[in-house]
Amino acid sequence: MESRRRGLSRRNILLATGAASIGIAAIAACGEMGQGTVVESEDAATAVPEAASPQPAPTLDPDISFPTHGWRTDFTKHSVPYSEISSGGPGKDGIPAIDEPNFISNEDAERYLDDKAPVVSVEINGEARAYPIEVLVWHEIVNDTLGGVPVTVTFCPLCNTAIAFDRRLDGTTYDFGVSGNLRYSDLIMYDRQTESWWQQITGAAIVGELTGKRLTPVPAAMVSFADFRATHPEGVVLSRDTGYPRSYGFNPYPGYDDISRSPFLFFEPVDGRLPAMERVVTVSINGEDAAYPFSVLAEEKVVADTVGGESIVVFHQPGTDSPFSRGSDIGSSSAYSSVLDGAVLEFSVTDEGGIVDSETKSQWNVLGSATDGPLAGKQLQPVVSGNHFWFAWAVFKPETRVFGL
């Protein structure tokens, strides 16, 4: 059974779903995780060594089942069992990150993006950019600078996880690539400066010199192109002009998000509080983790809560297609502080399905912007949140409180 699981890759998955004709070897490598005892790691050094020629790494642990040749990674340092990491097919940089992104106007993007097309919206210091999932699904990582801040925008298709990070750490700006490996079905990134390996869903370095370090997440929301365009008319959109021949607009994971499916390349027990493939919005504040199922949010539209002692509100709005099924409207959802100008706002849903605050009856959209009324032009402070499949989040954060249960 173990050897059969180790033989699985995203290539096998896509062949099984009828995607054999699209150059599958270029898609992100994924593998399967196993069991093991947590290894105590040494404190990571902060100095970044000068680049050296890749050298074959010795087999340091009998649980290493992934290729180590060609890596400069310090495999003596790791904070997770190596039995939880395996190769998924294409190797290091087999899925190419975008290092020199090009952007186009909203108007130009309308030529090929539908209104409901999902994009990752990131705004920093007044500068807003949209990263279409149709591009991210083929590259998984975009290294960019936005509002003067070096960021990396990431997307793990198997976990439905779009997360942006500040790529500065201890005075060094890091560039990230796709390692070709996976843990708990989640993308493992690597930095090109030290070739340490990083868990995408947590932003933590788990292998190599920087083991124990953690990237700072940047608020990012997966919303429709129409919502981004309406909120940020002067914003720009990541272009299909990436320098790589890819079938942008073609979905290599059709139907993967079917709620009745089991997740690929994941062999741990699923937390039974929710179906494995249920989408959840997750918020982590002051040591408390909370998850808000899309099934609840789609009915409520607005959920007010307190997480880690802070008042938040989670909005949900229809009009965004699934990243895996064009024409399947799953809506979009994101979280914000409900405190504005020192006062806690209360929100409700109108008979027409719009969102208003109780104090002024101003209207709000899913990106936390007041679009009409006395507060028009005001913006709620985004809370760092994620949009994940439940199985992926729960395995990393098992103590998560699930709203509605």
Protein backbone atom coordinates (compact mmCIF):
# COMPACT_ATOMS: atom_id res chain seq x y z
CA MET A 1 0.00 0.00 0.00
CA GLU A 2 2.81 2.38 0.90
CA SER A 3 4.60 1.84 -2.39
CA ARG A 4 1.35 2.37 -4.28
CA ARG A 5 0.78 5.67 -2.50
CA ARG A 6 4.34 6.81 -3.11
CA GLY A 7 3.76 6.22 -6.80
CA LEU A 8 0.89 8.69 -6.96
CA SER A 9 1.49 12.08 -8.48
CA ARG A 10 -0.56 14.92 -9.83
CA ARG A 11 0.18 13.50 -13.27
CA ASN A 12 -1.68 10.30 -12.35
CA ILE A 13 -4.56 12.33 -10.94
CA LEU A 14 -4.95 14.43 -14.06
CA LEU A 15 -4.75 11.40 -16.30
CA ALA A 16 -7.60 9.91 -14.28
CA THR A 17 -9.68 13.06 -14.76
CA GLY A 18 -9.14 13.24 -18.50
CA ALA A 19 -6.47 15.94 -18.63
CA ALA A 20 -3.79 13.90 -20.41
CA SER A 21 -3.51 16.17 -23.43
CA ILE A 22 -2.42 19.43 -21.81
CA GLY A 23 1.25 19.01 -21.01
CA ILE A 24 0.71 17.61 -17.53
CA ALA A 25 4.40 17.37 -16.74
CA ALA A 26 4.40 21.16 -16.33
CA ILE A 27 1.83 21.17 -13.51
CA ALA A 28 2.74 21.43 -9.83
CA ALA A 29 4.31 18.37 -8.26
CA CYS A 30 2.45 16.82 -5.38
CA GLY A 31 2.98 13.77 -3.20
CA GLU A 32 1.64 11.87 -0.25
CA MET A 33 2.49 12.18 3.40
CA GLY A 34 3.09 9.49 5.95
CA GLN A 35 3.46 8.99 9.68
CA GLY A 36 6.40 9.80 11.89
CA THR A 37 7.64 11.31 15.11
CA VAL A 38 8.13 15.08 15.21
CA VAL A 39 11.79 15.99 15.06
CA GLU A 40 13.15 18.81 17.16
CA SER A 41 14.92 21.29 14.91
CA GLU A 42 17.83 23.54 15.69
CA ASP A 43 17.36 27.29 15.72
CA ALA A 44 17.79 28.60 12.22
CA ALA A 45 20.71 30.90 11.46
CA THR A 46 19.77 34.23 9.97
CA ALA A 47 22.78 34.76 7.68
CA VAL A 48 22.21 33.87 4.04
CA PRO A 49 25.16 32.03 2.47
CA GLU A 50 26.46 32.90 -0.95
CA ALA A 51 25.07 30.74 -3.70
CA ALA A 52 26.95 27.51 -4.22
CA SER A 53 26.78 24.86 -6.91
CA PRO A 54 24.09 22.28 -6.16
CA GLN A 55 25.54 19.19 -4.56
CA PRO A 56 24.00 15.77 -4.01
CA ALA A 57 22.81 15.57 -0.43
CA PRO A 58 23.53 12.45 1.60
CA THR A 59 20.69 10.32 2.85
CA LEU A 60 20.40 11.70 6.36
CA ASP A 61 17.21 10.01 7.42
CA PRO A 62 15.70 6.65 6.46
CA ASP A 63 12.32 8.36 5.99
CA ILE A 64 13.59 10.53 3.13
CA SER A 65 11.76 9.28 0.04
CA PHE A 66 12.16 12.34 -2.17
CA PRO A 67 15.12 13.23 -4.41
CA THR A 68 17.86 15.26 -2.72
CA HIS A 69 20.20 15.54 -5.68
CA GLY A 70 20.56 19.10 -6.98
CA TRP A 71 19.53 20.79 -3.73
CA ARG A 72 21.72 23.06 -1.59
CA THR A 73 19.31 22.52 1.30
CA ASP A 74 20.69 21.69 4.74
CA PHE A 75 18.79 18.45 5.27
CA THR A 76 20.20 18.03 8.79
CA LYS A 77 17.70 20.67 9.93
CA HIS A 78 14.00 19.95 9.83
CA SER A 79 11.00 20.48 12.10
CA VAL A 80 8.71 17.81 10.64
CA PRO A 81 9.25 14.09 10.03
CA TYR A 82 10.63 13.39 6.59
CA SER A 83 8.05 10.61 6.28
CA GLU A 84 5.45 13.38 5.82
CA ILE A 85 7.16 14.71 2.68
CA SER A 86 7.33 13.06 -0.71
CA SER A 87 7.87 13.90 -4.35
CA GLY A 88 4.84 14.42 -6.50
CA GLY A 89 6.24 14.13 -10.02
CA PRO A 90 7.95 17.15 -11.62
CA GLY A 91 10.96 18.14 -9.60
CA LYS A 92 12.39 21.42 -8.41
CA ASP A 93 11.00 24.27 -10.57
CA GLY A 94 9.18 21.74 -12.75
CA ILE A 95 6.28 24.10 -12.17
CA PRO A 96 7.83 27.52 -12.87
CA ALA A 97 7.12 30.39 -10.53
CA ILE A 98 6.54 33.78 -12.16
CA ASP A 99 9.45 36.06 -11.26
CA GLU A 100 8.83 38.94 -13.67
CA PRO A 101 5.06 39.38 -13.70
CA ASN A 102 3.42 41.56 -16.32
CA PHE A 103 0.17 43.39 -15.65
CA ILE A 104 -2.61 44.77 -17.80
CA SER A 105 -5.55 47.08 -17.14
CA ASN A 106 -8.97 45.88 -16.07
CA GLU A 107 -10.27 46.85 -19.48
CA ASP A 108 -7.71 44.71 -21.29
CA ALA A 109 -8.35 41.78 -18.94
CA GLU A 110 -12.05 41.88 -19.86
CA ARG A 111 -11.12 40.41 -23.23
CA TYR A 112 -10.60 36.98 -21.68
CA LEU A 113 -11.73 37.08 -18.02
CA ASP A 114 -15.41 36.50 -17.31
CA ASP A 115 -17.06 38.64 -14.65
CA LYS A 116 -17.28 35.60 -12.37
CA ALA A 117 -13.69 34.46 -12.93
CA PRO A 118 -11.93 33.98 -9.56
CA VAL A 119 -8.94 36.20 -8.85
CA VAL A 120 -6.77 36.77 -5.79
CA SER A 121 -7.12 40.43 -4.80
CA VAL A 122 -4.20 42.01 -2.92
CA GLU A 123 -3.97 45.68 -1.95
CA ILE A 124 -0.98 47.26 -0.20
CA ASN A 125 -0.44 50.96 0.43
CA GLY A 126 -3.19 51.92 -1.99
CA GLU A 127 -1.95 49.74 -4.86
CA ALA A 128 -4.26 46.88 -5.89
CA ARG A 129 -3.56 43.91 -8.14
CA ALA A 130 -5.58 40.87 -9.20
CA TYR A 131 -3.94 37.50 -9.80
CA PRO A 132 -6.30 35.29 -11.84
CA ILE A 133 -6.58 31.72 -10.66
CA GLU A 134 -6.45 30.62 -14.30
CA VAL A 135 -2.81 31.77 -14.31
CA LEU A 136 -1.89 30.83 -10.74
CA VAL A 137 -3.08 27.26 -11.21
CA TRP A 138 -0.24 26.72 -13.72
CA HIS A 139 2.51 28.46 -11.71
CA GLU A 140 1.42 28.39 -8.04
CA ILE A 141 3.81 31.20 -7.06
CA VAL A 142 4.23 34.81 -8.22
CA ASN A 143 7.11 36.87 -6.81
CA ASP A 144 6.09 40.51 -6.98
CA THR A 145 6.47 43.93 -5.35
CA LEU A 146 3.23 45.70 -4.48
CA GLY A 147 2.89 49.09 -2.82
CA GLY A 148 6.62 49.02 -2.19
CA VAL A 149 6.41 45.67 -0.37
CA PRO A 150 8.05 42.53 -1.80
CA VAL A 151 5.37 39.83 -1.77
CA THR A 152 4.86 36.30 -2.97
CA VAL A 153 1.33 35.34 -4.02
CA THR A 154 0.71 31.60 -3.84
CA PHE A 155 -2.00 29.11 -4.76
CA CYS A 156 -2.14 25.41 -3.94
CA PRO A 157 -4.76 23.79 -6.21
CA LEU A 158 -5.10 20.62 -4.15
CA CYS A 159 -5.99 22.63 -1.04
CA ASN A 160 -7.80 25.55 -2.73
CA THR A 161 -5.45 27.73 -0.72
CA ALA A 162 -4.51 31.22 -1.96
CA ILE A 163 -2.15 33.05 0.41
CA ALA A 164 0.10 36.08 0.01
CA PHE A 165 3.21 36.69 2.10
CA ASP A 166 5.65 39.50 2.73
CA ARG A 167 8.84 37.89 1.43
CA ARG A 168 11.15 39.93 3.62
CA LEU A 169 12.66 38.28 6.67
CA ASP A 170 15.42 39.52 8.98
CA GLY A 171 16.56 42.12 6.47
CA THR A 172 16.67 39.78 3.47
CA THR A 173 14.19 39.63 0.58
CA TYR A 174 13.60 36.05 -0.53
CA ASP A 175 12.45 34.69 -3.88
CA PHE A 176 10.32 31.57 -3.88
CA GLY A 177 9.91 28.62 -6.20
CA VAL A 178 7.97 25.35 -6.30
CA SER A 179 9.90 22.49 -4.71
CA GLY A 180 7.93 19.70 -6.37
CA ASN A 181 7.15 18.22 -2.95
CA LEU A 182 4.05 18.10 -0.82
CA ARG A 183 3.06 17.66 2.82
CA TYR A 184 -0.51 16.97 3.91
CA SER A 185 -1.50 17.61 0.27
CA ASP A 186 -0.16 21.16 0.56
CA LEU A 187 2.43 22.89 -1.59
CA ILE A 188 5.98 23.07 -0.26
CA MET A 189 7.77 26.18 -1.49
CA TYR A 190 11.51 26.84 -1.33
CA ASP A 191 13.49 30.06 -1.16
CA ARG A 192 16.25 30.48 -3.72
CA GLN A 193 18.66 32.15 -1.32
CA THR A 194 19.13 29.26 1.16
CA GLU A 195 16.92 26.61 -0.50
CA SER A 196 15.06 26.09 2.74
CA TRP A 197 11.63 24.52 2.32
CA TRP A 198 8.46 26.31 3.42
CA GLN A 199 4.93 25.06 4.09
CA GLN A 200 2.54 27.18 2.05
CA ILE A 201 -0.50 26.94 4.29
CA THR A 202 1.41 28.07 7.41
CA GLY A 203 4.25 30.14 5.95
CA ALA A 204 6.71 28.23 8.15
CA ALA A 205 10.15 26.98 7.12
CA ILE A 206 10.19 23.24 7.82
CA VAL A 207 13.45 22.07 6.23
CA GLY A 208 16.87 23.69 5.85
CA GLU A 209 18.86 26.54 7.29
CA LEU A 210 15.82 28.73 8.03
CA THR A 211 13.85 26.00 9.80
CA GLY A 212 11.65 27.57 12.45
CA LYS A 213 11.32 30.92 10.69
CA ARG A 214 7.92 32.12 9.54
CA LEU A 215 6.76 34.50 6.81
CA THR A 216 4.28 37.28 7.58
CA PRO A 217 0.98 36.80 5.71
CA VAL A 218 -0.56 39.67 3.76
CA PRO A 219 -4.37 40.01 3.49
CA ALA A 220 -5.58 38.48 0.24
CA ALA A 221 -9.12 37.63 -0.88
CA MET A 222 -10.31 35.26 -3.59
CA VAL A 223 -13.16 37.15 -5.28
CA SER A 224 -14.66 37.58 -8.73
CA PHE A 225 -12.99 39.68 -11.38
CA ALA A 226 -16.13 41.85 -11.44
CA ASP A 227 -15.84 42.55 -7.70
CA PHE A 228 -12.17 43.42 -8.03
CA ARG A 229 -12.81 45.69 -11.01
CA ALA A 230 -15.67 47.52 -9.29
CA THR A 231 -13.70 48.07 -6.08
CA HIS A 232 -10.38 48.88 -7.76
CA PRO A 233 -11.14 50.50 -11.13
CA GLU A 234 -7.52 51.65 -11.36
CA GLY A 235 -6.18 48.26 -10.35
CA VAL A 236 -4.24 45.99 -12.67
CA VAL A 237 -4.44 42.29 -13.50
CA LEU A 238 -1.69 39.69 -13.88
CA SER A 239 -1.26 39.06 -17.59
CA ARG A 240 -1.22 35.78 -19.45
CA ASP A 241 2.06 37.06 -20.90
CA THR A 242 4.22 35.03 -18.51
CA GLY A 243 6.94 33.84 -20.86
CA TYR A 244 5.65 30.26 -20.57
CA PRO A 245 3.40 28.39 -23.02
CA ARG A 246 0.45 27.30 -20.91
CA SER A 247 -3.22 26.63 -21.62
CA TYR A 248 -4.48 29.60 -19.61
CA GLY A 249 -8.24 29.46 -19.37
CA PHE A 250 -8.24 25.66 -19.42
CA ASN A 251 -8.89 24.04 -16.06
CA PRO A 252 -6.59 21.05 -15.39
CA TYR A 253 -8.59 20.01 -12.29
CA PRO A 254 -12.18 19.71 -13.54
CA GLY A 255 -14.63 18.80 -10.81
CA TYR A 256 -11.97 18.39 -8.14
CA ASP A 257 -13.98 20.43 -5.64
CA ASP A 258 -17.05 18.16 -5.70
CA ILE A 259 -18.18 18.08 -2.07
CA SER A 260 -18.61 14.29 -2.24
CA ARG A 261 -15.04 13.65 -3.35
CA SER A 262 -12.13 12.57 -1.22
CA PRO A 263 -9.02 14.75 -1.43
CA PHE A 264 -6.18 13.54 -3.62
CA LEU A 265 -2.80 12.66 -2.14
CA PHE A 266 -4.08 12.89 1.42
CA PHE A 267 -4.07 9.78 3.58
CA GLU A 268 -4.70 11.11 7.05
CA PRO A 269 -8.07 10.78 8.79
CA VAL A 270 -10.29 13.75 7.93
CA ASP A 271 -11.69 15.82 10.78
CA GLY A 272 -15.29 14.66 10.67
CA ARG A 273 -16.87 17.91 11.79
CA LEU A 274 -17.18 18.96 8.14
CA PRO A 275 -16.90 17.19 4.77
CA ALA A 276 -13.30 17.05 3.59
CA MET A 277 -13.95 19.27 0.56
CA GLU A 278 -16.09 21.86 2.34
CA ARG A 279 -14.72 25.34 1.71
CA VAL A 280 -14.00 27.34 4.84
CA VAL A 281 -12.88 30.87 5.57
CA THR A 282 -10.30 30.68 8.36
CA VAL A 283 -9.13 33.35 10.77
CA SER A 284 -6.31 33.09 13.32
CA ILE A 285 -5.99 35.89 15.91
CA ASN A 286 -4.06 35.90 19.18
CA GLY A 287 -3.73 32.14 19.30
CA GLU A 288 -7.36 31.33 18.45
CA ASP A 289 -8.32 29.68 15.15
CA ALA A 290 -11.84 29.84 13.72
CA ALA A 291 -13.39 28.45 10.55
CA TYR A 292 -16.57 29.59 8.78
CA PRO A 293 -18.05 27.02 6.36
CA PHE A 294 -19.20 28.32 3.01
CA SER A 295 -22.39 26.32 3.47
CA VAL A 296 -23.21 28.51 6.48
CA LEU A 297 -21.95 31.75 4.97
CA ALA A 298 -23.99 31.26 1.79
CA GLU A 299 -27.14 31.26 3.90
CA GLU A 300 -26.19 33.93 6.44
CA LYS A 301 -24.30 36.32 4.10
CA VAL A 302 -22.96 38.13 7.19
CA VAL A 303 -21.43 36.53 10.29
CA ALA A 304 -20.24 38.60 13.24
CA ASP A 305 -17.86 36.93 15.68
CA THR A 306 -15.08 37.51 18.20
CA VAL A 307 -11.76 35.75 17.59
CA GLY A 308 -8.83 36.15 19.93
CA GLY A 309 -10.67 38.96 21.67
CA GLU A 310 -11.15 40.98 18.48
CA SER A 311 -14.46 41.77 16.77
CA ILE A 312 -14.63 40.59 13.17
CA VAL A 313 -17.21 40.24 10.46
CA VAL A 314 -17.21 37.72 7.61
CA PHE A 315 -19.01 38.65 4.39
CA HIS A 316 -20.25 36.29 1.71
CA GLN A 317 -21.50 37.32 -1.71
CA PRO A 318 -22.57 35.23 -4.73
CA GLY A 319 -21.08 35.81 -8.16
CA THR A 320 -17.70 34.01 -8.13
CA ASP A 321 -17.08 30.80 -10.05
CA SER A 322 -15.29 27.85 -8.54
CA PRO A 323 -11.59 27.72 -9.51
CA PHE A 324 -12.31 24.18 -10.70
CA SER A 325 -15.68 24.49 -12.46
CA ARG A 326 -16.52 27.41 -14.73
CA GLY A 327 -20.17 28.29 -14.39
CA SER A 328 -20.37 26.89 -10.87
CA ASP A 329 -21.15 29.91 -8.69
CA ILE A 330 -19.75 29.26 -5.21
CA GLY A 331 -19.57 32.91 -4.23
CA SER A 332 -16.71 34.56 -2.39
CA SER A 333 -16.05 35.39 1.21
CA SER A 334 -13.54 37.36 3.27
CA ALA A 335 -13.06 38.64 6.82
CA TYR A 336 -12.61 42.12 8.27
CA SER A 337 -12.35 43.94 11.55
CA SER A 338 -15.80 45.26 12.37
CA VAL A 339 -14.23 48.27 14.08
CA LEU A 340 -14.29 51.47 12.01
CA ASP A 341 -13.12 54.83 13.33
CA GLY A 342 -13.17 53.48 16.87
CA ALA A 343 -16.73 52.11 16.77
CA VAL A 344 -17.90 48.53 16.31
CA LEU A 345 -20.31 48.31 13.38
CA GLU A 346 -23.13 45.83 13.13
CA PHE A 347 -24.07 44.47 9.72
CA SER A 348 -27.18 42.89 8.27
CA VAL A 349 -28.53 41.65 4.96
CA THR A 350 -31.23 43.55 3.05
CA ASP A 351 -34.22 41.92 1.40
CA GLU A 352 -32.39 42.32 -1.90
CA GLY A 353 -29.36 40.46 -0.58
CA GLY A 354 -27.10 43.49 -0.07
CA ILE A 355 -25.00 44.15 3.03
CA VAL A 356 -25.61 47.26 5.15
CA ASP A 357 -24.38 48.49 8.50
CA SER A 358 -27.08 49.07 11.13
CA GLU A 359 -25.70 52.43 12.20
CA THR A 360 -25.78 54.36 8.91
CA LYS A 361 -27.42 51.95 6.42
CA SER A 362 -24.41 52.34 4.16
CA GLN A 363 -23.97 49.54 1.64
CA TRP A 364 -20.87 47.30 1.65
CA ASN A 365 -19.35 44.80 -0.76
CA VAL A 366 -17.45 41.56 -0.22
CA LEU A 367 -14.11 43.42 -0.34
CA GLY A 368 -15.07 45.43 2.73
CA SER A 369 -15.69 48.70 0.89
CA ALA A 370 -18.67 50.98 1.51
CA THR A 371 -20.18 51.58 -1.91
CA ASP A 372 -23.11 53.83 -1.03
CA GLY A 373 -24.53 55.83 1.87
CA PRO A 374 -22.94 58.09 4.51
CA LEU A 375 -19.84 55.86 4.77
CA ALA A 376 -19.29 55.56 1.01
CA GLY A 377 -15.57 55.33 0.31
CA LYS A 378 -14.71 53.90 3.72
CA GLN A 379 -12.78 50.63 3.91
CA LEU A 380 -12.89 48.02 6.66
CA GLN A 381 -9.50 46.76 7.82
CA PRO A 382 -8.92 43.32 6.28
CA VAL A 383 -8.18 40.46 8.64
CA VAL A 384 -5.65 37.92 7.40
CA SER A 385 -7.84 35.01 6.41
CA GLY A 386 -7.69 31.97 4.20
CA ASN A 387 -10.05 30.17 1.86
CA HIS A 388 -9.29 26.46 2.14
CA PHE A 389 -10.71 23.02 1.78
CA TRP A 390 -11.57 21.87 5.29
CA PHE A 391 -9.33 18.77 5.24
CA ALA A 392 -6.23 20.84 4.52
CA TRP A 393 -6.80 23.45 7.20
CA ALA A 394 -7.93 20.99 9.89
CA VAL A 395 -4.85 18.80 9.64
CA PHE A 396 -2.63 21.79 10.42
CA LYS A 397 -5.00 23.47 12.91
CA PRO A 398 -6.94 20.66 14.64
CA GLU A 399 -8.06 22.89 17.53
CA THR A 400 -9.97 25.18 15.16
CA ARG A 401 -13.40 26.28 16.33
CA VAL A 402 -16.00 25.76 13.62
CA PHE A 403 -18.70 28.40 13.48
CA GLY A 404 -22.19 26.98 13.39
CA LEU A 405 -21.36 23.66 15.11
